[in-house]
C-alpha atoms as a PDB file:
ATOM      1  CA  MET A   1      14.771  -2.203  44.956  1.00  0.00           C
ATOM      2  CA  SER A   2      13.155   0.292  45.872  1.00  0.00           C
ATOM      3  CA  GLN A   3      12.489   3.623  44.349  1.00  0.00           C
ATOM      4  CA  ILE A   4      14.973   5.246  43.864  1.00  0.00           C
ATOM      5  CA  ASP A   5      15.250   9.665  44.630  1.00  0.00           C
ATOM      6  CA  ILE A   6      17.923  11.556  42.630  1.00  0.00           C
ATOM      7  CA  ARG A   7      18.247  15.139  44.685  1.00  0.00           C
ATOM      8  CA  PRO A   8      21.313  17.596  44.704  1.00  0.00           C
ATOM      9  CA  VAL A   9      23.485  17.256  47.546  1.00  0.00           C
ATOM     10  CA  THR A  10      22.839  19.656  50.903  1.00  0.00           C
ATOM     11  CA  ALA A  11      24.863  20.602  53.745  1.00  0.00           C
ATOM     12  CA  ASP A  12      22.826  18.246  55.179  1.00  0.00           C
ATOM     13  CA  ASP A  13      24.165  15.427  53.232  1.00  0.00           C
ATOM     14  CA  HIS A  14      27.309  15.617  54.270  1.00  0.00           C
ATOM     15  CA  ALA A  15      27.785  12.660  56.178  1.00  0.00           C
ATOM     16  CA  ALA A  16      25.822  10.830  53.690  1.00  0.00           C
ATOM     17  CA  TRP A  17      28.190  12.089  50.368  1.00  0.00           C
ATOM     18  CA  LEU A  18      31.961  11.953  52.035  1.00  0.00           C
ATOM     19  CA  PRO A  19      31.853   7.511  52.262  1.00  0.00           C
ATOM     20  CA  LEU A  20      30.676   7.388  48.906  1.00  0.00           C
ATOM     21  CA  TRP A  21      33.390  10.000  47.926  1.00  0.00           C
ATOM     22  CA  GLN A  22      35.961   8.218  49.680  1.00  0.00           C
ATOM     23  CA  ALA A  23      34.503   4.587  48.305  1.00  0.00           C
ATOM     24  CA  TYR A  24      34.764   6.289  44.655  1.00  0.00           C
ATOM     25  CA  LEU A  25      38.409   7.731  45.260  1.00  0.00           C
ATOM     26  CA  ARG A  26      39.777   4.145  46.402  1.00  0.00           C
ATOM     27  CA  PHE A  27      37.453   2.626  43.174  1.00  0.00           C
ATOM     28  CA  TYR A  28      40.333   4.902  41.117  1.00  0.00           C
ATOM     29  CA  ASN A  29      43.481   3.856  43.620  1.00  0.00           C
ATOM     30  CA  THR A  30      43.452   7.924  44.773  1.00  0.00           C
ATOM     31  CA  GLU A  31      43.828   9.602  47.761  1.00  0.00           C
ATOM     32  CA  LEU A  32      43.691  13.243  48.333  1.00  0.00           C
ATOM     33  CA  PRO A  33      44.414  15.439  51.258  1.00  0.00           C
ATOM     34  CA  ASP A  34      41.724  16.165  53.623  1.00  0.00           C
ATOM     35  CA  ALA A  35      41.832  19.898  52.492  1.00  0.00           C
ATOM     36  CA  VAL A  36      41.117  18.818  48.712  1.00  0.00           C
ATOM     37  CA  THR A  37      37.823  16.918  50.113  1.00  0.00           C
ATOM     38  CA  GLN A  38      37.192  19.680  52.499  1.00  0.00           C
ATOM     39  CA  SER A  39      37.538  22.408  49.047  1.00  0.00           C
ATOM     40  CA  THR A  40      35.660  20.022  47.373  1.00  0.00           C
ATOM     41  CA  GLY A  41      32.673  19.913  49.895  1.00  0.00           C
ATOM     42  CA  GLN A  42      32.728  23.292  50.197  1.00  0.00           C
ATOM     43  CA  ARG A  43      32.542  24.264  46.271  1.00  0.00           C
ATOM     44  CA  ILE A  44      29.153  21.795  45.763  1.00  0.00           C
ATOM     45  CA  LEU A  45      27.458  23.691  48.203  1.00  0.00           C
ATOM     46  CA  ALA A  46      28.358  27.455  47.317  1.00  0.00           C
ATOM     47  CA  THR A  47      25.935  28.778  44.928  1.00  0.00           C
ATOM     48  CA  ASN A  48      28.678  31.015  42.991  1.00  0.00           C
ATOM     49  CA  GLU A  49      30.599  27.931  42.292  1.00  0.00           C
ATOM     50  CA  PRO A  50      30.027  26.106  38.611  1.00  0.00           C
ATOM     51  CA  THR A  51      30.386  22.921  40.947  1.00  0.00           C
ATOM     52  CA  HIS A  52      27.417  20.509  41.647  1.00  0.00           C
ATOM     53  CA  ALA A  53      26.682  17.356  43.057  1.00  0.00           C
ATOM     54  CA  ALA A  54      23.257  15.130  43.468  1.00  0.00           C
ATOM     55  CA  LEU A  55      23.235  11.712  45.488  1.00  0.00           C
ATOM     56  CA  ALA A  56      20.604   8.508  44.512  1.00  0.00           C
ATOM     57  CA  TRP A  57      18.966   7.754  47.810  1.00  0.00           C
ATOM     58  CA  ALA A  58      16.625   4.175  48.146  1.00  0.00           C
ATOM     59  CA  ASP A  59      15.374   3.299  51.568  1.00  0.00           C
ATOM     60  CA  GLY A  60      17.091   6.435  53.091  1.00  0.00           C
ATOM     61  CA  LYS A  61      20.651   5.187  52.195  1.00  0.00           C
ATOM     62  CA  ALA A  62      22.420   6.956  49.727  1.00  0.00           C
ATOM     63  CA  VAL A  63      23.327   4.455  47.434  1.00  0.00           C
ATOM     64  CA  GLY A  64      25.022   6.652  44.654  1.00  0.00           C
ATOM     65  CA  MET A  65      26.653  10.360  43.850  1.00  0.00           C
ATOM     66  CA  VAL A  66      27.834  12.078  40.816  1.00  0.00           C
ATOM     67  CA  HIS A  67      29.583  15.721  40.680  1.00  0.00           C
ATOM     68  CA  PHE A  68      29.284  17.781  37.357  1.00  0.00           C
ATOM     69  CA  ILE A  69      30.991  21.190  36.542  1.00  0.00           C
ATOM     70  CA  TYR A  70      29.586  23.591  34.137  1.00  0.00           C
ATOM     71  CA  HIS A  71      32.424  25.031  31.973  1.00  0.00           C
ATOM     72  CA  ARG A  72      32.871  27.418  28.924  1.00  0.00           C
ATOM     73  CA  SER A  73      33.731  25.837  25.323  1.00  0.00           C
ATOM     74  CA  ASN A  74      35.186  27.835  22.182  1.00  0.00           C
ATOM     75  CA  TRP A  75      32.612  25.384  20.580  1.00  0.00           C
ATOM     76  CA  SER A  76      29.944  26.738  21.709  1.00  0.00           C
ATOM     77  CA  ILE A  77      28.096  29.866  23.474  1.00  0.00           C
ATOM     78  CA  GLU A  78      26.477  28.144  25.738  1.00  0.00           C
ATOM     79  CA  ASN A  79      28.347  26.154  28.374  1.00  0.00           C
ATOM     80  CA  SER A  80      29.203  22.703  28.671  1.00  0.00           C
ATOM     81  CA  CYS A  81      28.751  19.661  31.621  1.00  0.00           C
ATOM     82  CA  TYR A  82      32.043  18.097  32.434  1.00  0.00           C
ATOM     83  CA  LEU A  83      30.471  14.785  34.461  1.00  0.00           C
ATOM     84  CA  GLN A  84      33.342  14.649  36.555  1.00  0.00           C
ATOM     85  CA  ASP A  85      32.639  11.858  39.289  1.00  0.00           C
ATOM     86  CA  LEU A  86      29.708   9.145  39.425  1.00  0.00           C
ATOM     87  CA  LEU A  87      29.494   6.296  41.932  1.00  0.00           C
ATOM     88  CA  VAL A  88      27.079   3.479  42.687  1.00  0.00           C
ATOM     89  CA  VAL A  89      27.619   1.626  45.295  1.00  0.00           C
ATOM     90  CA  PRO A  90      28.263  -2.311  44.489  1.00  0.00           C
ATOM     91  CA  GLU A  91      25.096  -3.578  46.176  1.00  0.00           C
ATOM     92  CA  THR A  92      23.054  -1.659  43.554  1.00  0.00           C
ATOM     93  CA  ARG A  93      25.215  -1.285  40.578  1.00  0.00           C
ATOM     94  CA  GLY A  94      23.329  -2.859  37.525  1.00  0.00           C
ATOM     95  CA  THR A  95      20.036  -1.887  39.024  1.00  0.00           C
ATOM     96  CA  GLY A  96      19.743   1.326  37.091  1.00  0.00           C
ATOM     97  CA  VAL A  97      20.889   3.922  39.320  1.00  0.00           C
ATOM     98  CA  GLY A  98      23.688   5.100  37.327  1.00  0.00           C
ATOM     99  CA  ARG A  99      21.714   5.589  34.430  1.00  0.00           C
ATOM    100  CA  GLN A 100      19.320   7.866  36.783  1.00  0.00           C
ATOM    101  CA  LEU A 101      22.115   9.764  38.087  1.00  0.00           C
ATOM    102  CA  ILE A 102      23.650  10.709  34.176  1.00  0.00           C
ATOM    103  CA  GLU A 103      20.110  11.113  33.356  1.00  0.00           C
ATOM    104  CA  PHE A 104      19.842  13.436  35.988  1.00  0.00           C
ATOM    105  CA  VAL A 105      22.837  15.843  35.138  1.00  0.00           C
ATOM    106  CA  TYR A 106      21.306  15.476  31.505  1.00  0.00           C
ATOM    107  CA  THR A 107      18.164  17.359  32.704  1.00  0.00           C
ATOM    108  CA  THR A 108      19.913  19.788  35.259  1.00  0.00           C
ATOM    109  CA  ALA A 109      22.421  20.401  32.406  1.00  0.00           C
ATOM    110  CA  LYS A 110      19.884  20.987  29.680  1.00  0.00           C
ATOM    111  CA  ALA A 111      17.820  23.185  32.537  1.00  0.00           C
ATOM    112  CA  ASP A 112      21.087  25.339  33.368  1.00  0.00           C
ATOM    113  CA  GLY A 113      21.376  26.078  29.609  1.00  0.00           C
ATOM    114  CA  CYS A 114      24.257  23.504  29.012  1.00  0.00           C
ATOM    115  CA  CYS A 115      24.701  22.682  25.422  1.00  0.00           C
ATOM    116  CA  LYS A 116      26.461  18.985  26.096  1.00  0.00           C
ATOM    117  CA  VAL A 117      27.352  16.806  29.122  1.00  0.00           C
ATOM    118  CA  HIS A 118      30.837  14.700  28.636  1.00  0.00           C
ATOM    119  CA  TRP A 119      33.046  12.525  31.077  1.00  0.00           C
ATOM    120  CA  LEU A 120      36.192  10.608  31.104  1.00  0.00           C
ATOM    121  CA  THR A 121      36.276   6.346  32.368  1.00  0.00           C
ATOM    122  CA  HIS A 122      39.232   4.848  32.375  1.00  0.00           C
ATOM    123  CA  GLU A 123      39.500   1.738  30.178  1.00  0.00           C
ATOM    124  CA  THR A 124      39.058  -0.701  32.226  1.00  0.00           C
ATOM    125  CA  ASN A 125      36.407   0.031  33.897  1.00  0.00           C
ATOM    126  CA  ALA A 126      34.452  -2.907  31.309  1.00  0.00           C
ATOM    127  CA  THR A 127      30.600  -2.417  32.958  1.00  0.00           C
ATOM    128  CA  ALA A 128      30.511   1.624  32.938  1.00  0.00           C
ATOM    129  CA  ILE A 129      31.640   1.881  29.224  1.00  0.00           C
ATOM    130  CA  GLN A 130      29.021  -0.557  29.103  1.00  0.00           C
ATOM    131  CA  LEU A 131      25.951   1.313  29.907  1.00  0.00           C
ATOM    132  CA  TYR A 132      27.931   4.695  28.672  1.00  0.00           C
ATOM    133  CA  GLU A 133      28.122   3.328  25.438  1.00  0.00           C
ATOM    134  CA  ARG A 134      24.226   2.845  25.267  1.00  0.00           C
ATOM    135  CA  ILE A 135      23.218   6.252  26.615  1.00  0.00           C
ATOM    136  CA  ALA A 136      25.875   8.632  25.466  1.00  0.00           C
ATOM    137  CA  GLU A 137      28.271   8.415  21.988  1.00  0.00           C
ATOM    138  CA  ARG A 138      31.967   7.292  22.258  1.00  0.00           C
ATOM    139  CA  PRO A 139      33.475  10.163  20.170  1.00  0.00           C
ATOM    140  CA  GLY A 140      37.023   8.249  20.076  1.00  0.00           C
ATOM    141  CA  PHE A 141      39.513  11.351  21.950  1.00  0.00           C
ATOM    142  CA  ILE A 142      42.082  10.258  23.714  1.00  0.00           C
ATOM    143  CA  GLN A 143      43.200  12.089  26.959  1.00  0.00           C
ATOM    144  CA  PHE A 144      47.178  13.679  27.260  1.00  0.00           C
ATOM    145  CA  ARG A 145      48.069  15.167  30.671  1.00  0.00           C
ATOM    146  CA  LYS A 146      50.764  16.278  32.826  1.00  0.00           C
ATOM    147  CA  ALA A 147      50.388  17.329  36.289  1.00  0.00           C
ATOM    148  CA  ILE A 148      51.951  21.185  36.765  1.00  0.00           C
END
C-alpha cells in the first residue's frame, strides 16, 4: 500500500466523504434521514461546531474516515474528545489505516487542549477491538441508552 495522508475534511471533500459515511452506516445496519447526513456534513465544516472529521487518503482515494467531537466533562477542566465514527474501506483494513486515523485524533485533540479521547464499538466488532485493546485502555463500562 502507498503512503497514507490524513487530513481534516474540507468542503471540497464531500464527494469522497459521503460514500464512506454511507458505508459506515451500512456497517452498523443503520439508516438516517438525508437531513441528518446534511447536518453532519455542515457541522464538520463549521468552525463554531465541536464536530471534526478527517479522511485517510491513498493514491488520491479516500480509504478511511473518522469523526470526533469535543465536549465538556465534569471530571476535568479540559474538554474530552469523543471519537464517534471510524471506518476504513475493506480493501485497506489491517494495514494500519485505522490506527493512523485514531492517532490523528489523539494528536489533534491533544493540540486542541483535550485531556482524553474515548469511544465505543459494538461488542461483535472483534477486528476493531483487537486494535483498540493495543492502543487504548478498556475501562469495562457498559453503555445504557434510551431514545427520547
